[in-house]
Protein backbone atom coordinates (compact mmCIF):
# COMPACT_ATOMS: atom_id res chain seq x y z
CA ARG A 1 5.89 16.25 -9.99
CA VAL A 2 8.48 16.46 -7.21
CA TRP A 3 11.97 17.28 -8.49
CA ARG A 4 14.77 14.94 -7.54
CA PRO A 5 18.32 14.52 -8.84
CA LEU A 6 18.99 11.75 -11.33
CA VAL A 7 20.37 8.69 -9.57
CA ARG A 8 22.84 7.05 -11.90
CA ARG A 9 23.27 3.30 -11.99
CA GLN A 10 26.75 3.32 -10.40
CA GLU A 11 25.35 5.20 -7.40
CA THR A 12 22.95 2.36 -6.64
CA ASN A 13 25.61 -0.33 -6.10
CA LEU A 14 24.38 -0.85 -2.56
CA THR A 15 21.96 -3.09 -0.73
CA PRO A 16 18.96 -0.84 0.08
CA ALA A 17 19.26 0.48 3.62
CA SER A 18 15.64 -0.43 4.31
CA LEU A 19 15.95 -4.08 3.22
CA PRO A 20 17.27 -5.56 6.51
CA LEU A 21 14.80 -3.44 8.49
CA PHE A 22 11.81 -4.75 6.57
CA GLN A 23 13.19 -8.30 6.61
CA GLN A 24 13.43 -8.13 10.40
CA ARG A 25 9.94 -6.68 10.73
CA LEU A 26 8.49 -9.44 8.56
CA GLU A 27 10.24 -12.18 10.56
CA GLN A 28 8.80 -10.78 13.79
CA GLN A 29 5.29 -10.57 12.37
CA LEU A 30 5.40 -14.08 10.92
CA THR A 31 6.77 -15.55 14.14
CA LEU A 32 4.03 -13.93 16.21
CA LEU A 33 1.40 -15.17 13.78
CA LEU A 34 2.61 -18.78 13.78
CA ASP A 35 3.15 -18.85 17.54
CA ALA A 36 -0.51 -17.94 17.99
CA ARG A 37 -1.52 -20.92 15.82
CA LYS A 38 0.77 -23.63 17.20
CA SER A 39 -1.84 -25.24 19.40
CA SER A 40 -4.44 -25.42 16.62
CA SER A 41 -2.35 -27.82 14.50
CA PRO A 42 0.67 -29.23 16.33
CA GLU A 43 1.20 -31.77 13.54
CA LEU A 44 1.31 -29.22 10.71
CA CYS A 45 2.53 -25.92 12.18
CA PRO A 46 6.17 -27.07 12.62
CA ALA A 47 6.44 -27.79 8.89
CA MET A 48 4.78 -24.48 8.01
CA ALA A 49 7.11 -22.58 10.33
CA TYR A 50 10.16 -24.51 9.08
CA SER A 51 9.71 -23.31 5.51
CA LEU A 52 8.28 -19.87 6.25
CA LEU A 53 11.02 -18.87 8.70
CA LEU A 54 13.92 -20.40 6.78
CA GLY A 55 15.15 -16.96 5.69
CA GLY A 56 15.37 -15.74 2.12
CA LYS A 57 15.60 -12.36 0.42
CA ARG A 58 11.95 -11.47 1.14
CA VAL A 59 11.73 -9.65 -2.20
CA ARG A 60 7.94 -9.54 -2.34
CA PRO A 61 7.29 -8.30 1.22
CA TYR A 62 10.06 -5.75 0.76
CA LEU A 63 8.24 -4.30 -2.24
CA VAL A 64 4.97 -4.23 -0.28
CA TYR A 65 6.60 -2.32 2.57
CA GLN A 66 8.82 0.01 0.52
CA CYS A 67 6.25 0.92 -2.13
CA GLY A 68 3.45 1.11 0.43
CA GLN A 69 5.35 3.61 2.57
CA LEU A 70 6.23 5.58 -0.54
CA LEU A 71 2.50 5.86 -1.32
CA GLY A 72 1.45 6.84 2.19
CA ALA A 73 0.29 3.51 3.67
CA SER A 74 0.96 2.77 7.35
CA LEU A 75 3.42 0.06 8.32
CA ALA A 76 0.81 -1.57 10.54
CA ASP A 77 -1.57 -1.93 7.58
CA LEU A 78 1.21 -3.18 5.30
CA ASP A 79 2.05 -6.04 7.68
CA GLY A 80 -1.04 -7.92 6.46
CA PRO A 81 -0.28 -8.01 2.71
CA ALA A 82 3.47 -8.40 3.36
CA MET A 83 2.84 -11.56 5.40
CA ALA A 84 0.21 -12.85 2.98
CA ILE A 85 2.38 -12.64 -0.12
CA GLU A 86 5.35 -14.27 1.60
CA MET A 87 3.16 -17.13 2.81
CA LEU A 88 1.82 -17.66 -0.68
CA HIS A 89 5.33 -17.53 -2.14
CA THR A 90 6.57 -20.04 0.46
CA TYR A 91 3.74 -22.44 -0.33
CA SER A 92 4.82 -22.34 -3.97
CA LEU A 93 8.43 -23.14 -3.03
CA ILE A 94 7.39 -26.11 -0.89
CA HIS A 95 5.38 -27.55 -3.77
CA ASP A 96 7.98 -26.70 -6.44
CA ASP A 97 10.59 -28.70 -4.49
CA LEU A 98 8.46 -31.87 -4.41
CA PRO A 99 9.53 -34.95 -6.41
CA ALA A 100 6.61 -34.49 -8.82
CA MET A 101 7.83 -30.98 -9.67
CA ASP A 102 11.50 -29.92 -9.45
CA ASN A 103 12.56 -32.69 -7.04
CA ASP A 104 15.05 -30.56 -5.05
CA ASP A 105 16.72 -31.55 -1.80
CA LEU A 106 17.95 -28.11 -0.70
CA ARG A 107 16.18 -24.79 -0.16
CA ARG A 108 17.97 -21.79 1.37
CA GLY A 109 20.81 -24.06 2.46
CA LYS A 110 18.57 -26.45 4.39
CA PRO A 111 16.75 -29.67 3.51
CA THR A 112 13.54 -28.96 1.61
CA CYS A 113 10.28 -29.36 3.50
CA HIS A 114 9.53 -32.84 2.15
CA LYS A 115 13.05 -33.95 3.15
CA ALA A 116 12.87 -32.43 6.63
CA PHE A 117 9.40 -33.93 7.19
CA ASP A 118 7.78 -36.07 4.48
CA GLU A 119 5.96 -35.54 1.19
CA ALA A 120 2.43 -35.65 2.58
CA THR A 121 3.27 -33.16 5.34
CA ALA A 122 4.97 -30.86 2.82
CA ILE A 123 1.92 -30.88 0.56
CA LEU A 124 -0.36 -30.06 3.47
CA ALA A 125 2.00 -27.39 4.82
CA GLY A 126 1.94 -25.69 1.41
CA ASP A 127 -1.84 -25.94 1.20
CA ALA A 128 -2.20 -24.52 4.71
CA LEU A 129 0.12 -21.59 3.99
CA GLN A 130 -1.85 -20.73 0.85
CA ALA A 131 -5.09 -20.71 2.84
CA LEU A 132 -3.50 -18.74 5.68
CA ALA A 133 -2.34 -16.07 3.22
CA PHE A 134 -5.94 -15.23 2.34
CA GLU A 135 -7.07 -15.52 5.96
CA VAL A 136 -4.45 -12.95 6.98
CA LEU A 137 -5.22 -10.65 4.05
CA SER A 138 -8.93 -10.67 4.87
CA SER A 139 -8.76 -10.50 8.68
CA HIS A 140 -5.76 -8.24 9.36
CA PRO A 141 -6.74 -5.36 11.70
CA TYR A 142 -6.32 -2.57 9.16
CA GLN A 143 -6.42 0.97 10.51
CA HIS A 144 -6.87 2.99 7.33
CA LEU A 145 -8.29 0.71 4.66
CA ALA A 146 -11.71 0.68 3.02
CA ALA A 147 -13.41 -2.69 2.51
CA GLU A 148 -13.36 -2.21 -1.27
CA ARG A 149 -9.57 -1.90 -1.29
CA GLN A 150 -9.29 -5.01 0.86
CA VAL A 151 -11.33 -6.94 -1.71
CA GLN A 152 -9.07 -5.58 -4.47
CA MET A 153 -6.03 -6.92 -2.61
CA MET A 154 -7.54 -10.38 -2.26
CA ARG A 155 -8.53 -10.43 -5.94
CA ALA A 156 -5.03 -9.33 -7.00
CA LEU A 157 -3.34 -12.03 -4.93
CA ALA A 158 -5.69 -14.78 -6.11
CA SER A 159 -5.19 -13.78 -9.75
CA ALA A 160 -1.40 -13.62 -9.42
CA ALA A 161 -1.27 -17.04 -7.76
CA GLY A 162 -3.55 -19.01 -10.06
CA ALA A 163 -3.69 -20.36 -13.60
CA ALA A 164 -3.31 -16.86 -15.07
CA GLY A 165 -0.26 -16.24 -12.88
CA MET A 166 2.25 -18.26 -10.90
CA CYS A 167 0.65 -21.71 -11.32
CA GLY A 168 0.18 -21.12 -15.03
CA GLY A 169 3.85 -20.23 -15.37
CA GLN A 170 4.90 -23.33 -13.47
CA ALA A 171 2.73 -25.45 -15.79
CA ILE A 172 4.52 -23.99 -18.83
CA ASP A 173 7.87 -24.69 -17.14
CA LEU A 174 7.01 -28.36 -16.61
CA ALA A 175 5.63 -28.73 -20.14
CA GLN A 176 8.72 -27.15 -21.73
CA THR A 177 11.30 -29.30 -19.94
CA ASN A 178 13.35 -31.17 -22.59
CA GLN A 179 11.56 -29.11 -25.27
CA GLN A 180 12.64 -26.33 -27.60
CA ILE A 181 11.21 -22.96 -26.56
CA SER A 182 11.08 -19.52 -28.16
CA LEU A 183 12.26 -16.39 -26.40
CA ALA A 184 8.69 -15.05 -26.35
CA ARG A 185 7.40 -18.24 -24.72
CA LEU A 186 10.24 -18.21 -22.17
CA GLU A 187 9.41 -14.63 -21.26
CA GLN A 188 5.72 -15.45 -20.94
CA MET A 189 6.57 -18.36 -18.63
CA HIS A 190 8.68 -16.22 -16.31
CA ARG A 191 6.31 -13.25 -16.32
CA LEU A 192 3.73 -15.66 -14.93
CA LYS A 193 5.86 -17.96 -12.77
CA THR A 194 8.02 -15.29 -11.10
CA GLY A 195 6.80 -11.91 -12.29
CA ALA A 196 3.13 -12.23 -11.36
CA LEU A 197 3.73 -12.28 -7.60
CA ILE A 198 6.36 -9.53 -7.82
CA GLU A 199 3.91 -7.34 -9.74
CA CYS A 200 1.24 -8.26 -7.20
CA SER A 201 3.50 -6.96 -4.41
CA VAL A 202 3.34 -3.40 -5.72
CA LYS A 203 -0.40 -3.73 -6.38
CA LEU A 204 -0.96 -4.74 -2.76
CA ALA A 205 1.11 -1.74 -1.67
CA TYR A 206 -1.00 0.55 -3.86
CA TYR A 207 -4.35 -0.85 -2.67
CA CYS A 208 -3.19 -0.55 0.93
CA SER A 209 -2.44 3.16 0.44
CA PRO A 210 -4.80 6.15 0.27
CA LEU A 211 -3.74 6.89 -3.32
CA GLN A 212 -6.16 6.61 -6.24
CA ASP A 213 -4.05 7.29 -9.30
CA GLU A 214 -4.04 4.65 -12.04
CA GLN A 215 -0.98 6.19 -13.70
CA ILE A 216 1.09 5.64 -10.59
CA LEU A 217 -0.13 2.05 -10.40
CA HIS A 218 0.79 1.60 -14.07
CA HIS A 219 4.36 2.88 -13.54
CA LEU A 220 4.78 0.71 -10.44
CA THR A 221 3.62 -2.44 -12.21
CA THR A 222 5.88 -1.65 -15.17
CA PHE A 223 8.79 -1.34 -12.73
CA ALA A 224 7.84 -4.58 -10.98
CA GLY A 225 7.30 -6.45 -14.25
CA ALA A 226 10.80 -5.59 -15.47
CA LEU A 227 12.25 -6.33 -12.05
CA GLY A 228 10.52 -9.72 -11.84
CA LEU A 229 11.89 -10.78 -15.20
CA ALA A 230 15.37 -9.49 -14.33
CA PHE A 231 15.19 -11.51 -11.10
CA GLN A 232 14.56 -14.70 -13.09
CA VAL A 233 17.29 -13.97 -15.66
CA GLN A 234 19.76 -13.52 -12.79
CA ASP A 235 18.53 -16.77 -11.22
CA ASP A 236 19.22 -18.55 -14.51
CA ILE A 237 22.73 -17.05 -14.65
CA LEU A 238 23.46 -18.03 -11.05
CA ASP A 239 22.38 -21.61 -11.74
CA ILE A 240 25.44 -21.77 -13.98
CA GLU A 241 27.89 -19.38 -12.29
CA GLY A 242 26.95 -19.73 -8.63
CA ASP A 243 27.84 -22.41 -6.12
CA THR A 244 25.56 -24.53 -3.96
CA LEU A 245 26.84 -23.11 -0.65
CA THR A 246 26.18 -19.49 -1.69
CA LEU A 247 22.94 -20.20 -3.54
CA GLY A 248 21.45 -22.33 -0.75
CA LYS A 249 20.11 -24.73 -3.39
CA PRO A 250 21.77 -27.17 -5.79
CA GLN A 251 23.89 -25.34 -8.36
CA GLY A 252 23.27 -26.50 -11.92
CA SER A 253 19.90 -28.09 -11.16
CA ASP A 254 18.20 -26.34 -14.10
CA LEU A 255 20.98 -27.45 -16.42
CA ARG A 256 20.77 -31.08 -15.26
CA ALA A 257 16.99 -31.09 -15.62
CA ASN A 258 17.29 -29.58 -19.12
CA LYS A 259 15.07 -26.66 -18.10
CA ALA A 260 14.29 -23.76 -20.41
CA THR A 261 16.51 -20.86 -19.28
CA TYR A 262 17.82 -17.55 -20.65
CA PRO A 263 21.47 -18.72 -20.83
CA ALA A 264 20.37 -21.86 -22.69
CA LEU A 265 18.58 -19.70 -25.25
CA LEU A 266 20.78 -16.58 -25.39
CA GLY A 267 24.11 -17.72 -23.96
CA LEU A 268 25.60 -16.25 -20.79
CA ASP A 269 26.57 -12.93 -22.40
CA GLY A 270 23.14 -12.62 -23.96
CA ALA A 271 21.48 -13.36 -20.63
CA ARG A 272 23.59 -10.72 -18.89
CA ALA A 273 22.65 -8.20 -21.58
CA LYS A 274 18.99 -9.10 -21.09
CA ALA A 275 19.26 -8.57 -17.33
CA ASP A 276 20.86 -5.16 -17.91
CA GLN A 277 18.16 -4.19 -20.42
CA LEU A 278 15.43 -5.10 -17.92
CA HIS A 279 17.25 -3.22 -15.16
CA GLN A 280 17.28 -0.06 -17.27
CA GLN A 281 13.59 -0.56 -18.10
CA ALA A 282 12.79 -0.76 -14.39
CA LEU A 283 14.73 2.44 -13.71
CA ARG A 284 12.91 4.29 -16.50
CA ALA A 285 9.57 3.34 -14.93
CA LEU A 286 10.77 4.82 -11.63
CA ASP A 287 11.64 8.05 -13.46
CA SER A 288 7.92 8.50 -14.11
CA LEU A 289 7.00 8.43 -10.41
CA PRO A 290 6.69 11.73 -8.51
CA PHE A 291 8.49 10.31 -5.46
CA GLU A 292 11.99 9.87 -4.09
CA THR A 293 12.87 6.39 -5.37
CA THR A 294 16.51 5.96 -4.30
CA GLU A 295 15.71 2.84 -2.24
CA LEU A 296 13.81 1.19 -5.10
CA ARG A 297 16.67 2.00 -7.47
CA ALA A 298 19.13 0.40 -5.08
CA PHE A 299 16.85 -2.61 -4.83
CA ALA A 300 16.69 -2.95 -8.62
CA HIS A 301 20.49 -3.04 -8.73
CA TYR A 302 20.59 -5.51 -5.84
CA ILE A 303 18.37 -7.88 -7.82
CA ILE A 304 20.73 -8.15 -10.79
CA ALA A 305 23.99 -7.89 -8.83
CA ARG A 306 23.16 -10.54 -6.20
CA THR A 307 25.10 -13.79 -5.95
CA PHE A 308 22.36 -15.88 -4.28
């Protein structure tokens, strides 16, 4: 175990220094990828690019890059899974915004894909991004990655995206609208809907690295699981306390749709306490890692302190 000084919570009240660097790298990689595919589908690529390059926090790719570098993976190899998970996440946002789902008009301060184009194009753009995620993950020119680890990455992403992950969580969300829900059921919903892809981010980082240590993977997924749930709790709080201009999406949309949220179940103070509890749980998981984790600690604080 490598010794490092304890990083207290008040010392992490910063945006991680590496966040804008990895955000910029991802944007460049995604732009190059889409530019190379423009001619193959001139009808669909503009809608794919519109949603994929609309900005955002890039939480999942950040975790791929930051955790992957921590574990000894090369940046060039990490580009593949970082792009793949962001494409899969973006597909989910396009579909979530559709009238049959959340029926939202704004995403990241801009018209949602089905408003900027049309519903059919938005559905196809989401489908195409989902397929492209697995194409990139399977065909990326890895420099230091065994075929077995590549298969593990594809399996992890497919599992996190499907009925036992993100889609399953979204199904619970739709079923529980206008319904009473228990705290345990709410947590299960968000661990699937939001947490599954965030946990998958650190798994992709691990499989892309030369490390073979299940304990490290366990601590990383514990960290990511707590972080993913904290992310959703903060989202629920911001739906009440935020404003549309800052959020980049309609403020109060969950409240108007009578969605199951942490503030609705616990009250605002209870939701804040829950976010803090999950933040501390994430930090304790980092304590178990034999690495310098200052950036990940800063990122954990950024997640619960953000205003958008």
